[in-house]
Amino acid sequence: MKATVYVTIKENVLDPQGTAVQGALHSMGFAEVGKVRIGKYLEVELDTNDRAEAEARLKEMCEKLLANTVVEDYRFELEG
């Protein structure tokens, strides 16, 4: 089963990398760009066909390693 995991910085947390990218885009002539937020995209292959088990394991992975839940949110999608 394939999982796609999205990790993003929480809305109330400053994103200096996003701010730097926004500034760079503006300096390159892309004045229409508003707020930029940087995140992570991960693809994970799981060796199970049990959707409930996959969801539980993914949540555990995100909570323990893939996301810093103090400053980041995460969500995932399962295929198959």
C-alpha atoms as a PDB file:
ATOM      1  CA  MET A   1       0.000   0.000   0.000  1.00  0.00           C
ATOM      2  CA  LYS A   2       1.341   3.432  -0.904  1.00  0.00           C
ATOM      3  CA  ALA A   3       1.022   6.422   1.391  1.00  0.00           C
ATOM      4  CA  THR A   4       1.605  10.059   0.633  1.00  0.00           C
ATOM      5  CA  VAL A   5       2.502  12.190   3.659  1.00  0.00           C
ATOM      6  CA  TYR A   6       2.352  15.988   3.716  1.00  0.00           C
ATOM      7  CA  VAL A   7       4.076  17.882   6.534  1.00  0.00           C
ATOM      8  CA  THR A   8       3.521  21.632   6.859  1.00  0.00           C
ATOM      9  CA  ILE A   9       4.463  24.281   9.363  1.00  0.00           C
ATOM     10  CA  LYS A  10       1.556  25.283  11.602  1.00  0.00           C
ATOM     11  CA  GLU A  11      -0.135  28.541  10.628  1.00  0.00           C
ATOM     12  CA  ASN A  12       0.822  30.296  13.886  1.00  0.00           C
ATOM     13  CA  VAL A  13       4.543  29.404  13.503  1.00  0.00           C
ATOM     14  CA  LEU A  14       6.930  31.686  11.622  1.00  0.00           C
ATOM     15  CA  ASP A  15       8.349  30.218   8.414  1.00  0.00           C
ATOM     16  CA  PRO A  16      11.684  31.959   7.715  1.00  0.00           C
ATOM     17  CA  GLN A  17      12.422  29.691   4.746  1.00  0.00           C
ATOM     18  CA  GLY A  18       9.056  30.541   3.196  1.00  0.00           C
ATOM     19  CA  THR A  19       9.702  34.237   3.795  1.00  0.00           C
ATOM     20  CA  ALA A  20      13.116  33.963   2.105  1.00  0.00           C
ATOM     21  CA  VAL A  21      11.579  32.238  -0.930  1.00  0.00           C
ATOM     22  CA  GLN A  22       8.851  34.873  -1.111  1.00  0.00           C
ATOM     23  CA  GLY A  23      11.489  37.635  -1.055  1.00  0.00           C
ATOM     24  CA  ALA A  24      13.536  35.913  -3.743  1.00  0.00           C
ATOM     25  CA  LEU A  25      10.477  35.496  -5.967  1.00  0.00           C
ATOM     26  CA  HIS A  26       9.621  39.177  -5.542  1.00  0.00           C
ATOM     27  CA  SER A  27      13.174  40.186  -6.447  1.00  0.00           C
ATOM     28  CA  MET A  28      12.892  38.022  -9.576  1.00  0.00           C
ATOM     29  CA  GLY A  29       9.827  39.946 -10.709  1.00  0.00           C
ATOM     30  CA  PHE A  30       7.066  37.694  -9.364  1.00  0.00           C
ATOM     31  CA  ALA A  31       5.329  40.475  -7.429  1.00  0.00           C
ATOM     32  CA  GLU A  32       1.997  38.641  -7.474  1.00  0.00           C
ATOM     33  CA  VAL A  33       3.302  36.018  -5.017  1.00  0.00           C
ATOM     34  CA  GLY A  34       1.766  36.397  -1.580  1.00  0.00           C
ATOM     35  CA  LYS A  35       2.606  34.259   1.398  1.00  0.00           C
ATOM     36  CA  VAL A  36       4.893  31.256   0.852  1.00  0.00           C
ATOM     37  CA  ARG A  37       4.974  28.307   3.270  1.00  0.00           C
ATOM     38  CA  ILE A  38       7.514  25.494   2.959  1.00  0.00           C
ATOM     39  CA  GLY A  39       6.686  21.867   3.762  1.00  0.00           C
ATOM     40  CA  LYS A  40       7.717  18.276   3.120  1.00  0.00           C
ATOM     41  CA  TYR A  41       6.270  15.641   0.806  1.00  0.00           C
ATOM     42  CA  LEU A  42       7.004  11.960   1.442  1.00  0.00           C
ATOM     43  CA  GLU A  43       6.007   8.734  -0.297  1.00  0.00           C
ATOM     44  CA  VAL A  44       6.006   5.629   1.885  1.00  0.00           C
ATOM     45  CA  GLU A  45       5.426   2.042   0.735  1.00  0.00           C
ATOM     46  CA  LEU A  46       3.773  -0.097   3.391  1.00  0.00           C
ATOM     47  CA  ASP A  47       3.846  -3.881   3.299  1.00  0.00           C
ATOM     48  CA  THR A  48       0.221  -4.376   4.382  1.00  0.00           C
ATOM     49  CA  ASN A  49      -3.228  -4.527   2.857  1.00  0.00           C
ATOM     50  CA  ASP A  50      -4.973  -3.659   6.124  1.00  0.00           C
ATOM     51  CA  ARG A  51      -6.050  -0.021   5.810  1.00  0.00           C
ATOM     52  CA  ALA A  52      -6.689   0.458   9.550  1.00  0.00           C
ATOM     53  CA  GLU A  53      -3.259  -0.946  10.406  1.00  0.00           C
ATOM     54  CA  ALA A  54      -1.618   1.267   7.762  1.00  0.00           C
ATOM     55  CA  GLU A  55      -3.322   4.378   9.138  1.00  0.00           C
ATOM     56  CA  ALA A  56      -2.287   3.541  12.699  1.00  0.00           C
ATOM     57  CA  ARG A  57       1.318   2.873  11.696  1.00  0.00           C
ATOM     58  CA  LEU A  58       1.523   6.047   9.601  1.00  0.00           C
ATOM     59  CA  LYS A  59       0.190   8.122  12.479  1.00  0.00           C
ATOM     60  CA  GLU A  60       2.847   6.584  14.721  1.00  0.00           C
ATOM     61  CA  MET A  61       5.588   7.305  12.132  1.00  0.00           C
ATOM     62  CA  CYS A  62       4.492  10.914  11.792  1.00  0.00           C
ATOM     63  CA  GLU A  63       4.251  11.464  15.538  1.00  0.00           C
ATOM     64  CA  LYS A  64       7.646   9.881  16.250  1.00  0.00           C
ATOM     65  CA  LEU A  65       9.814  10.934  13.301  1.00  0.00           C
ATOM     66  CA  LEU A  66       8.322  12.445  10.156  1.00  0.00           C
ATOM     67  CA  ALA A  67       6.805  15.564  11.728  1.00  0.00           C
ATOM     68  CA  ASN A  68       7.775  17.756  14.645  1.00  0.00           C
ATOM     69  CA  THR A  69       4.251  18.027  16.027  1.00  0.00           C
ATOM     70  CA  VAL A  70       5.160  21.032  18.181  1.00  0.00           C
ATOM     71  CA  VAL A  71       5.552  23.235  15.089  1.00  0.00           C
ATOM     72  CA  GLU A  72       4.278  21.080  12.201  1.00  0.00           C
ATOM     73  CA  ASP A  73       0.995  19.571  11.080  1.00  0.00           C
ATOM     74  CA  TYR A  74       0.739  16.449   8.970  1.00  0.00           C
ATOM     75  CA  ARG A  75      -1.786  14.591   6.901  1.00  0.00           C
ATOM     76  CA  PHE A  76      -1.578  11.485   4.777  1.00  0.00           C
ATOM     77  CA  GLU A  77      -3.410   9.734   1.984  1.00  0.00           C
ATOM     78  CA  LEU A  78      -3.470   6.010   1.299  1.00  0.00           C
ATOM     79  CA  GLU A  79      -3.723   4.375  -2.126  1.00  0.00           C
ATOM     80  CA  GLY A  80      -4.844   0.812  -2.555  1.00  0.00           C
END
